[in-house]
N, C-alpha and C. Protein backbone atom coordinates (compact mmCIF):
# COMPACT_ATOMS: atom_id res chain seq x y z
N MET A 1 53.96 19.49 97.40
CA MET A 1 54.41 20.77 96.88
C MET A 1 53.43 21.85 97.35
N THR A 2 53.96 22.96 97.79
CA THR A 2 53.14 24.07 98.28
C THR A 2 52.37 24.72 97.13
N GLN A 3 51.09 24.97 97.38
CA GLN A 3 50.30 25.72 96.41
C GLN A 3 50.35 27.19 96.79
N PHE A 4 50.54 28.03 95.78
CA PHE A 4 50.61 29.48 96.00
C PHE A 4 49.38 30.16 95.41
N VAL A 5 49.02 31.30 96.00
CA VAL A 5 47.86 32.06 95.56
C VAL A 5 48.24 33.53 95.48
N GLU A 6 47.42 34.27 94.73
CA GLU A 6 47.51 35.72 94.73
C GLU A 6 46.23 36.24 95.34
N ILE A 7 46.38 37.03 96.39
CA ILE A 7 45.23 37.62 97.08
C ILE A 7 45.12 39.07 96.61
N THR A 8 43.90 39.49 96.27
CA THR A 8 43.67 40.89 95.92
C THR A 8 42.70 41.51 96.93
N ILE A 9 43.07 42.72 97.34
CA ILE A 9 42.30 43.47 98.32
C ILE A 9 42.28 44.92 97.84
N THR A 10 41.14 45.59 97.91
CA THR A 10 41.09 46.99 97.51
C THR A 10 41.06 47.90 98.73
N TYR A 11 41.66 49.08 98.55
CA TYR A 11 41.74 50.09 99.61
C TYR A 11 41.35 51.45 99.04
N PRO A 12 40.87 52.35 99.90
CA PRO A 12 40.49 53.68 99.42
C PRO A 12 41.68 54.61 99.17
N SER A 13 42.86 54.27 99.71
CA SER A 13 44.03 55.14 99.49
C SER A 13 45.28 54.31 99.26
N SER A 14 46.23 54.91 98.55
CA SER A 14 47.49 54.21 98.29
C SER A 14 48.26 54.02 99.60
N GLU A 15 48.15 54.95 100.52
CA GLU A 15 48.84 54.83 101.81
C GLU A 15 48.37 53.60 102.59
N GLN A 16 47.06 53.36 102.58
CA GLN A 16 46.53 52.19 103.29
C GLN A 16 46.97 50.90 102.62
N ALA A 17 46.96 50.87 101.29
CA ALA A 17 47.40 49.68 100.56
C ALA A 17 48.88 49.43 100.80
N LEU A 18 49.69 50.50 100.76
CA LEU A 18 51.13 50.37 101.01
C LEU A 18 51.40 49.84 102.42
N ALA A 19 50.71 50.37 103.40
CA ALA A 19 50.91 49.94 104.79
C ALA A 19 50.56 48.46 104.95
N ALA A 20 49.45 48.04 104.36
CA ALA A 20 49.04 46.63 104.46
C ALA A 20 50.04 45.73 103.75
N GLY A 21 50.44 46.10 102.55
CA GLY A 21 51.40 45.30 101.80
C GLY A 21 52.73 45.19 102.52
N ARG A 22 53.21 46.31 103.04
CA ARG A 22 54.48 46.33 103.78
C ARG A 22 54.41 45.41 104.99
N GLU A 23 53.31 45.49 105.74
CA GLU A 23 53.15 44.66 106.93
C GLU A 23 53.15 43.17 106.58
N LEU A 24 52.45 42.80 105.52
CA LEU A 24 52.38 41.39 105.13
C LEU A 24 53.75 40.86 104.69
N VAL A 25 54.50 41.66 103.95
CA VAL A 25 55.83 41.23 103.51
C VAL A 25 56.80 41.19 104.70
N GLU A 26 56.77 42.21 105.55
CA GLU A 26 57.67 42.22 106.71
C GLU A 26 57.43 41.05 107.64
N GLN A 27 56.16 40.63 107.78
CA GLN A 27 55.83 39.48 108.64
C GLN A 27 56.00 38.14 107.93
N ARG A 28 56.48 38.17 106.69
CA ARG A 28 56.67 36.97 105.87
C ARG A 28 55.36 36.21 105.63
N LEU A 29 54.26 36.96 105.63
CA LEU A 29 52.97 36.37 105.27
C LEU A 29 52.76 36.46 103.76
N ALA A 30 53.48 37.36 103.11
CA ALA A 30 53.44 37.52 101.65
C ALA A 30 54.87 37.63 101.14
N ALA A 31 55.12 37.06 99.97
CA ALA A 31 56.45 37.15 99.37
C ALA A 31 56.66 38.52 98.74
N CYS A 32 55.59 39.09 98.20
CA CYS A 32 55.68 40.39 97.55
C CYS A 32 54.29 41.02 97.52
N ALA A 33 54.28 42.32 97.26
CA ALA A 33 53.03 43.07 97.19
C ALA A 33 53.11 44.04 96.02
N HIS A 34 52.02 44.12 95.26
CA HIS A 34 51.93 45.06 94.15
C HIS A 34 50.70 45.92 94.35
N ILE A 35 50.84 47.21 94.11
CA ILE A 35 49.72 48.13 94.31
C ILE A 35 49.47 48.88 93.01
N SER A 36 48.21 48.87 92.59
CA SER A 36 47.82 49.52 91.34
C SER A 36 46.59 50.39 91.56
N PRO A 37 46.58 51.59 90.97
CA PRO A 37 45.38 52.41 91.03
C PRO A 37 44.33 51.85 90.06
N VAL A 38 43.08 51.88 90.47
CA VAL A 38 41.98 51.40 89.63
C VAL A 38 40.78 52.31 89.81
N THR A 39 39.86 52.25 88.89
CA THR A 39 38.55 52.87 89.07
C THR A 39 37.56 51.74 89.25
N SER A 40 36.87 51.72 90.37
CA SER A 40 35.92 50.67 90.68
C SER A 40 34.49 51.16 90.46
N ILE A 41 33.71 50.35 89.79
CA ILE A 41 32.29 50.60 89.60
C ILE A 41 31.57 49.44 90.25
N TYR A 42 30.69 49.74 91.21
CA TYR A 42 30.06 48.67 91.97
C TYR A 42 28.72 49.14 92.52
N ARG A 43 27.89 48.18 92.87
CA ARG A 43 26.61 48.47 93.51
C ARG A 43 26.78 48.27 95.00
N TRP A 44 26.38 49.28 95.78
CA TRP A 44 26.47 49.19 97.24
C TRP A 44 25.30 49.93 97.85
N GLN A 45 24.57 49.23 98.69
CA GLN A 45 23.42 49.77 99.39
C GLN A 45 22.43 50.43 98.44
N GLY A 46 22.15 49.73 97.33
CA GLY A 46 21.12 50.14 96.40
C GLY A 46 21.53 51.18 95.36
N ALA A 47 22.76 51.63 95.38
CA ALA A 47 23.20 52.65 94.42
C ALA A 47 24.47 52.19 93.71
N VAL A 48 24.66 52.66 92.49
CA VAL A 48 25.88 52.38 91.75
C VAL A 48 26.89 53.47 92.06
N HIS A 49 28.09 53.05 92.41
CA HIS A 49 29.17 53.96 92.77
C HIS A 49 30.32 53.81 91.77
N GLU A 50 31.06 54.89 91.58
CA GLU A 50 32.27 54.88 90.77
C GLU A 50 33.32 55.64 91.57
N GLU A 51 34.35 54.92 92.01
CA GLU A 51 35.34 55.50 92.93
C GLU A 51 36.76 55.09 92.55
N PRO A 52 37.72 55.96 92.79
CA PRO A 52 39.12 55.54 92.67
C PRO A 52 39.48 54.65 93.87
N GLU A 53 40.20 53.59 93.61
CA GLU A 53 40.66 52.70 94.67
C GLU A 53 42.07 52.24 94.31
N TYR A 54 42.65 51.48 95.24
CA TYR A 54 43.98 50.91 95.03
C TYR A 54 43.89 49.42 95.31
N THR A 55 44.32 48.63 94.33
CA THR A 55 44.32 47.18 94.48
C THR A 55 45.67 46.73 95.01
N LEU A 56 45.64 46.03 96.12
CA LEU A 56 46.82 45.39 96.68
C LEU A 56 46.77 43.93 96.27
N ALA A 57 47.80 43.46 95.58
CA ALA A 57 47.90 42.05 95.19
C ALA A 57 49.13 41.48 95.87
N VAL A 58 48.94 40.40 96.63
CA VAL A 58 50.06 39.76 97.32
C VAL A 58 50.12 38.28 96.93
N LYS A 59 51.34 37.79 96.84
CA LYS A 59 51.56 36.37 96.55
C LYS A 59 51.97 35.68 97.83
N THR A 60 51.33 34.54 98.08
CA THR A 60 51.55 33.83 99.33
C THR A 60 51.21 32.35 99.17
N SER A 61 51.41 31.61 100.24
CA SER A 61 51.05 30.19 100.29
C SER A 61 49.57 30.06 100.64
N ILE A 62 48.94 29.04 100.10
CA ILE A 62 47.52 28.81 100.44
C ILE A 62 47.34 28.58 101.93
N HIS A 63 48.38 28.10 102.59
CA HIS A 63 48.31 27.82 104.03
C HIS A 63 48.24 29.09 104.88
N LEU A 64 48.57 30.24 104.29
CA LEU A 64 48.57 31.50 105.03
C LEU A 64 47.34 32.36 104.76
N VAL A 65 46.46 31.91 103.89
CA VAL A 65 45.31 32.72 103.47
C VAL A 65 44.42 33.10 104.65
N GLU A 66 44.07 32.17 105.49
CA GLU A 66 43.16 32.48 106.60
C GLU A 66 43.79 33.45 107.59
N LYS A 67 45.08 33.29 107.85
CA LYS A 67 45.78 34.21 108.75
C LYS A 67 45.79 35.62 108.17
N ILE A 68 46.07 35.73 106.86
CA ILE A 68 46.08 37.03 106.20
C ILE A 68 44.68 37.63 106.20
N LYS A 69 43.68 36.81 105.91
CA LYS A 69 42.29 37.30 105.89
C LYS A 69 41.92 37.89 107.25
N HIS A 70 42.24 37.19 108.31
CA HIS A 70 41.91 37.68 109.65
C HIS A 70 42.61 39.01 109.92
N LEU A 71 43.89 39.11 109.59
CA LEU A 71 44.66 40.33 109.82
C LEU A 71 44.13 41.49 109.00
N VAL A 72 43.86 41.26 107.72
CA VAL A 72 43.43 42.32 106.80
C VAL A 72 42.02 42.80 107.12
N VAL A 73 41.10 41.88 107.28
CA VAL A 73 39.70 42.26 107.49
C VAL A 73 39.53 42.98 108.82
N ALA A 74 40.26 42.57 109.85
CA ALA A 74 40.13 43.20 111.17
C ALA A 74 40.50 44.69 111.14
N GLY A 75 41.48 45.06 110.33
CA GLY A 75 41.90 46.45 110.32
C GLY A 75 41.52 47.22 109.07
N HIS A 76 40.62 46.67 108.27
CA HIS A 76 40.28 47.29 106.99
C HIS A 76 39.27 48.42 107.18
N PRO A 77 39.40 49.52 106.42
CA PRO A 77 38.48 50.65 106.57
C PRO A 77 37.08 50.41 105.98
N TYR A 78 36.92 49.41 105.11
CA TYR A 78 35.61 49.15 104.50
C TYR A 78 34.79 48.21 105.38
N ASP A 79 33.45 48.37 105.32
CA ASP A 79 32.56 47.43 105.99
C ASP A 79 32.65 46.04 105.39
N LEU A 80 32.83 45.99 104.07
CA LEU A 80 32.89 44.72 103.36
C LEU A 80 34.07 44.76 102.37
N PRO A 81 35.29 44.49 102.86
CA PRO A 81 36.45 44.59 101.98
C PRO A 81 36.50 43.44 100.98
N GLN A 82 37.02 43.75 99.80
CA GLN A 82 37.29 42.68 98.83
C GLN A 82 38.47 41.88 99.35
N PHE A 83 38.33 40.57 99.37
CA PHE A 83 39.41 39.66 99.72
C PHE A 83 39.22 38.43 98.85
N VAL A 84 40.01 38.33 97.78
CA VAL A 84 39.86 37.24 96.82
C VAL A 84 41.21 36.57 96.64
N ALA A 85 41.25 35.25 96.79
CA ALA A 85 42.48 34.48 96.59
C ALA A 85 42.32 33.60 95.36
N ASN A 86 43.25 33.74 94.42
CA ASN A 86 43.25 32.94 93.20
C ASN A 86 44.52 32.10 93.14
N PRO A 87 44.38 30.82 92.76
CA PRO A 87 45.56 29.96 92.68
C PRO A 87 46.51 30.41 91.58
N LEU A 88 47.81 30.25 91.84
CA LEU A 88 48.84 30.53 90.85
C LEU A 88 49.33 29.19 90.28
N SER A 89 49.55 29.16 88.99
CA SER A 89 50.03 27.94 88.37
C SER A 89 51.02 28.27 87.27
N ASP A 90 51.67 27.24 86.78
CA ASP A 90 52.56 27.37 85.64
C ASP A 90 53.64 28.42 85.84
N MET A 91 54.34 28.32 86.96
CA MET A 91 55.44 29.25 87.23
C MET A 91 56.77 28.50 87.14
N SER A 92 57.83 29.23 86.96
CA SER A 92 59.14 28.60 86.88
C SER A 92 59.52 28.00 88.23
N ARG A 93 60.36 27.03 88.20
CA ARG A 93 60.85 26.38 89.42
C ARG A 93 61.57 27.40 90.29
N GLU A 94 62.34 28.26 89.65
CA GLU A 94 63.10 29.27 90.39
C GLU A 94 62.18 30.28 91.09
N TYR A 95 61.11 30.69 90.41
CA TYR A 95 60.16 31.63 91.03
C TYR A 95 59.45 30.95 92.19
N ARG A 96 59.06 29.70 92.01
CA ARG A 96 58.40 28.94 93.08
C ARG A 96 59.33 28.86 94.30
N GLN A 97 60.60 28.60 94.07
CA GLN A 97 61.57 28.52 95.17
C GLN A 97 61.70 29.87 95.86
N TRP A 98 61.74 30.94 95.08
CA TRP A 98 61.83 32.28 95.67
C TRP A 98 60.61 32.57 96.54
N LEU A 99 59.41 32.23 96.05
CA LEU A 99 58.20 32.44 96.85
C LEU A 99 58.32 31.70 98.18
N GLN A 100 58.70 30.43 98.12
CA GLN A 100 58.82 29.62 99.34
C GLN A 100 59.84 30.20 100.29
N GLN A 101 61.00 30.58 99.79
CA GLN A 101 62.05 31.15 100.64
C GLN A 101 61.62 32.48 101.25
N SER A 102 60.87 33.27 100.52
CA SER A 102 60.43 34.58 101.01
C SER A 102 59.42 34.47 102.14
N LEU A 103 58.79 33.32 102.26
CA LEU A 103 57.75 33.13 103.27
C LEU A 103 58.26 32.39 104.50
N THR A 104 59.53 32.01 104.51
CA THR A 104 60.05 31.27 105.65
C THR A 104 61.01 32.13 106.46
N ALA A 105 60.94 32.00 107.75
CA ALA A 105 61.72 32.85 108.65
C ALA A 105 63.22 32.63 108.57
N ASP A 106 63.66 31.47 108.07
CA ASP A 106 65.09 31.19 108.07
C ASP A 106 65.78 31.62 106.77
N SER A 107 65.06 32.29 105.86
CA SER A 107 65.70 32.75 104.63
C SER A 107 66.29 34.13 104.84
N GLY A 108 67.22 34.51 103.95
CA GLY A 108 67.91 35.79 104.10
C GLY A 108 67.28 36.86 103.40
């Protein structure tokens, strides 16, 4: 049985998050993409920063994580982009089937 994950990536603008999410779904690397505005507080280069960001969350197969990571990191505007994949569990059979169908080229 395929294991699914949710990958989260942050972007400095909603346009960049939308473009990345759209590309991943169009290429069938992600079944869906959700974008949420957040306020991030983090330490970077010795200083604490507080910035508005946009979190892109995509659901995909664990087998596609490395391909997505390569694609996202190569074109990301940050020097060190967040790229975190967390396993998904306890989902309905129907949702699992939808995820699988959304990631395969022969689905409608």
